[in-house]
N, C-alpha and C. Protein backbone atom coordinates (compact mmCIF):
# COMPACT_ATOMS: atom_id res chain seq x y z
N UNK A 1 137.35 26.80 -21.18
CA UNK A 1 136.96 27.36 -22.78
C UNK A 1 136.47 28.23 -23.18
N UNK A 2 135.67 29.02 -22.16
CA UNK A 2 134.69 30.04 -22.61
C UNK A 2 135.39 30.90 -22.61
N UNK A 3 136.86 31.02 -21.49
CA UNK A 3 137.95 32.25 -21.54
C UNK A 3 138.75 32.74 -23.12
N UNK A 4 138.82 31.48 -23.72
CA UNK A 4 139.09 31.09 -25.04
C UNK A 4 138.26 32.17 -25.90
N UNK A 5 137.48 31.37 -26.24
CA UNK A 5 136.11 31.85 -27.11
C UNK A 5 135.81 33.54 -26.60
N UNK A 6 135.71 33.89 -25.64
CA UNK A 6 136.01 35.32 -24.94
C UNK A 6 136.92 36.03 -25.31
N UNK A 7 138.15 35.56 -25.72
CA UNK A 7 139.26 36.25 -26.27
C UNK A 7 139.53 36.31 -27.64
N UNK A 8 138.51 35.72 -28.16
CA UNK A 8 138.69 35.51 -29.75
C UNK A 8 137.45 36.45 -30.08
N UNK A 9 136.68 36.33 -29.03
CA UNK A 9 135.30 37.53 -29.33
C UNK A 9 134.97 38.36 -28.79
N UNK A 10 136.11 39.06 -28.25
CA UNK A 10 136.64 40.12 -27.59
C UNK A 10 137.82 40.80 -28.57
N UNK A 11 138.44 40.29 -29.05
CA UNK A 11 139.77 40.88 -29.71
C UNK A 11 139.39 41.25 -31.25
N UNK A 12 139.68 42.38 -31.57
CA UNK A 12 139.06 43.63 -32.60
C UNK A 12 139.66 42.99 -33.91
N UNK A 13 141.05 42.24 -33.40
CA UNK A 13 141.55 42.15 -34.61
C UNK A 13 141.67 41.03 -34.88
N UNK A 14 140.96 39.87 -34.03
CA UNK A 14 141.16 38.72 -34.24
C UNK A 14 139.94 38.18 -34.83
N UNK A 15 138.67 39.47 -34.80
CA UNK A 15 137.15 39.04 -35.28
C UNK A 15 137.26 39.88 -36.60
N UNK A 16 138.53 41.11 -36.89
CA UNK A 16 138.54 41.53 -38.08
C UNK A 16 139.28 40.39 -39.17
N UNK A 17 140.19 39.29 -38.68
CA UNK A 17 140.78 38.22 -39.28
C UNK A 17 139.64 37.43 -39.69
N UNK A 18 138.69 37.12 -38.70
CA UNK A 18 138.47 35.90 -39.22
C UNK A 18 136.66 36.46 -39.91
N UNK A 19 136.39 37.58 -39.69
CA UNK A 19 135.09 38.40 -40.58
C UNK A 19 135.90 38.14 -42.33
N UNK A 20 137.11 38.81 -42.27
CA UNK A 20 137.48 38.62 -43.69
C UNK A 20 137.79 37.27 -44.73
N UNK A 21 138.13 36.22 -43.45
CA UNK A 21 138.12 34.77 -44.13
C UNK A 21 137.14 34.53 -44.50
N UNK A 22 135.89 34.42 -43.66
CA UNK A 22 134.18 34.01 -44.00
C UNK A 22 133.97 35.06 -45.25
N UNK A 23 134.43 36.29 -45.14
CA UNK A 23 133.80 36.96 -46.53
C UNK A 23 134.60 36.25 -47.59
N UNK A 24 135.87 36.14 -47.63
CA UNK A 24 136.43 36.09 -48.75
C UNK A 24 136.07 34.42 -49.60
N UNK A 25 136.28 33.11 -48.19
CA UNK A 25 135.02 32.00 -48.21
C UNK A 25 134.03 32.33 -49.37
N UNK A 26 132.69 33.33 -48.95
CA UNK A 26 131.72 33.21 -49.26
C UNK A 26 131.78 34.27 -50.89
N UNK A 27 132.94 34.88 -50.58
CA UNK A 27 132.79 35.71 -52.21
C UNK A 27 133.40 35.00 -52.90
N UNK A 28 134.23 33.10 -52.56
CA UNK A 28 134.42 32.44 -53.44
C UNK A 28 133.88 31.41 -53.99
N UNK A 29 132.28 31.15 -52.91
CA UNK A 29 131.71 30.10 -53.53
C UNK A 29 130.49 31.30 -54.18
N UNK A 30 130.56 32.82 -54.19
CA UNK A 30 129.12 32.97 -55.00
C UNK A 30 129.82 33.34 -56.32
N UNK A 31 131.49 33.47 -56.96
CA UNK A 31 131.87 33.39 -57.95
C UNK A 31 131.58 32.43 -58.64
N UNK A 32 132.16 31.04 -57.39
CA UNK A 32 131.87 29.60 -58.43
C UNK A 32 130.38 29.26 -59.51
N UNK A 33 129.79 29.70 -58.03
CA UNK A 33 127.75 30.14 -58.59
C UNK A 33 128.03 30.46 -59.79
N UNK A 34 128.09 31.75 -59.54
CA UNK A 34 128.40 32.78 -60.56
C UNK A 34 128.82 32.27 -61.99
N UNK A 35 129.97 31.04 -61.78
CA UNK A 35 130.72 31.07 -63.32
C UNK A 35 129.61 29.83 -63.79
N UNK A 36 129.05 29.07 -62.60
CA UNK A 36 128.62 27.83 -63.47
C UNK A 36 127.25 28.22 -64.20
N UNK A 37 126.13 29.39 -63.82
CA UNK A 37 125.38 30.22 -64.33
C UNK A 37 125.62 30.54 -65.51
N UNK A 38 126.95 31.21 -65.54
CA UNK A 38 127.17 32.32 -67.04
C UNK A 38 127.20 30.78 -68.01
N UNK A 39 127.62 29.51 -67.50
CA UNK A 39 128.59 28.47 -68.50
C UNK A 39 126.53 27.97 -68.78
N UNK A 40 126.04 27.76 -67.82
CA UNK A 40 124.37 27.22 -68.27
C UNK A 40 123.73 28.16 -69.52
N UNK A 41 124.24 29.21 -69.43
CA UNK A 41 123.35 30.20 -69.98
C UNK A 41 123.91 30.39 -71.67
N UNK A 42 125.60 30.45 -71.61
CA UNK A 42 126.22 29.61 -72.41
C UNK A 42 125.65 28.53 -73.67
N UNK A 43 125.55 27.54 -72.96
CA UNK A 43 125.22 26.51 -73.53
C UNK A 43 123.96 26.51 -73.98
N UNK A 44 123.15 26.94 -73.12
CA UNK A 44 121.24 27.10 -73.71
C UNK A 44 121.09 28.63 -74.83
N UNK A 45 122.32 29.13 -74.84
CA UNK A 45 122.09 30.14 -75.96
C UNK A 45 122.64 29.29 -77.74
N UNK A 46 123.31 28.57 -77.32
CA UNK A 46 124.01 27.71 -78.48
C UNK A 46 123.22 26.28 -78.57
N UNK A 47 122.55 25.93 -77.83
CA UNK A 47 121.52 24.64 -78.11
C UNK A 47 120.26 25.77 -78.72
N UNK A 48 119.72 26.80 -78.33
CA UNK A 48 118.85 27.45 -79.33
C UNK A 48 119.35 27.76 -80.98
N UNK A 49 120.38 28.18 -81.41
CA UNK A 49 120.84 28.47 -82.31
C UNK A 49 121.05 27.46 -82.65
N UNK A 50 121.21 25.97 -81.96
CA UNK A 50 121.42 24.93 -83.24
C UNK A 50 120.00 24.36 -83.35
N UNK A 51 119.28 24.76 -82.32
CA UNK A 51 117.56 24.30 -82.64
C UNK A 51 117.14 25.39 -84.10
N UNK A 52 117.83 26.36 -83.88
CA UNK A 52 116.85 27.28 -85.07
C UNK A 52 117.93 27.16 -86.13
N UNK A 53 118.78 26.39 -86.82
CA UNK A 53 119.23 25.95 -87.83
C UNK A 53 118.23 24.25 -88.49
N UNK A 54 118.40 23.44 -86.88
CA UNK A 54 117.43 22.58 -87.26
C UNK A 54 116.26 22.81 -88.10
N UNK A 55 115.62 23.72 -86.73
CA UNK A 55 114.03 23.81 -87.43
C UNK A 55 114.12 24.49 -88.80
N UNK A 56 114.56 25.02 -89.18
CA UNK A 56 115.12 25.88 -91.16
C UNK A 56 115.43 24.99 -91.82
N UNK A 57 116.32 23.83 -91.57
CA UNK A 57 116.47 22.54 -92.27
C UNK A 57 115.12 22.36 -92.49
N UNK A 58 114.44 21.76 -91.21
CA UNK A 58 113.60 20.98 -91.73
C UNK A 58 112.17 21.61 -92.17
N UNK A 59 111.94 22.53 -92.26
CA UNK A 59 110.97 23.49 -92.82
C UNK A 59 111.33 23.56 -94.45
N UNK A 60 112.68 23.62 -94.41
CA UNK A 60 112.60 23.78 -96.05
C UNK A 60 112.90 22.37 -96.55
N UNK A 61 112.97 21.34 -96.03
CA UNK A 61 112.54 19.41 -96.35
C UNK A 61 111.06 20.09 -96.47
N UNK A 62 110.61 19.98 -95.28
CA UNK A 62 108.83 19.90 -95.78
C UNK A 62 108.41 20.68 -96.65
N UNK A 63 109.03 22.24 -97.10
CA UNK A 63 108.40 22.85 -98.46
C UNK A 63 108.48 22.12 -100.00
N UNK A 64 109.86 21.11 -99.83
CA UNK A 64 109.76 20.64 -101.01
C UNK A 64 108.91 19.45 -101.44
N UNK A 65 108.05 19.51 -102.71
CA UNK A 65 107.61 19.09 -103.76
C UNK A 65 107.62 17.59 -103.33
N UNK A 66 107.02 16.15 -103.29
CA UNK A 66 107.38 15.36 -103.15
C UNK A 66 108.51 14.35 -103.81
N UNK A 67 108.13 14.69 -105.53
CA UNK A 67 109.01 14.62 -106.59
C UNK A 67 110.73 15.02 -106.44
N UNK A 68 110.51 16.41 -106.11
CA UNK A 68 111.82 16.59 -105.81
C UNK A 68 112.75 16.60 -104.47
N UNK A 69 112.14 15.98 -103.39
CA UNK A 69 112.31 15.61 -102.22
C UNK A 69 112.83 14.10 -102.74
N UNK A 70 112.69 13.47 -103.04
CA UNK A 70 112.90 11.74 -103.84
C UNK A 70 114.46 12.21 -104.15
N UNK A 71 114.23 13.26 -105.72
CA UNK A 71 115.42 13.03 -106.31
C UNK A 71 116.18 13.68 -105.48
N UNK A 72 116.15 15.02 -104.25
CA UNK A 72 117.86 14.97 -103.36
C UNK A 72 117.68 13.81 -102.45
N UNK A 73 117.25 13.12 -101.88
CA UNK A 73 117.40 12.04 -101.14
C UNK A 73 117.91 10.63 -102.08
N UNK A 74 117.49 10.86 -103.19
CA UNK A 74 118.15 9.91 -104.41
C UNK A 74 119.76 10.12 -104.66
N UNK A 75 120.26 11.36 -104.43
CA UNK A 75 121.35 12.04 -104.74
C UNK A 75 122.13 11.61 -103.32
N UNK A 76 121.49 11.60 -102.58
CA UNK A 76 122.41 11.53 -100.78
C UNK A 76 122.58 9.46 -100.74
N UNK A 77 121.49 9.39 -100.78
CA UNK A 77 121.66 7.37 -101.01
C UNK A 77 122.72 6.76 -102.18
N UNK A 78 122.85 7.26 -103.18
CA UNK A 78 123.57 6.77 -103.63
C UNK A 78 125.56 6.46 -103.00
N UNK A 79 126.22 5.89 -103.02
CA UNK A 79 127.51 5.87 -102.78
C UNK A 79 128.42 6.18 -103.60
């Protein structure tokens, strides 16, 4: 067993091939994690934009006088 292991570790061509395979697998995992991070960032940006719109609407509704708010809500409440 040690003779086979010694052969693989002393042969520079096989060491280079094994190192390239390990490097390719590592690079693939890195790319996968980078893609997941980019997707999470994209979702956070979209959620913040939606939150800004929601806050703007809430501020607009809160700024209306009570009578005007009732009139606006009455329009939406009727079928």
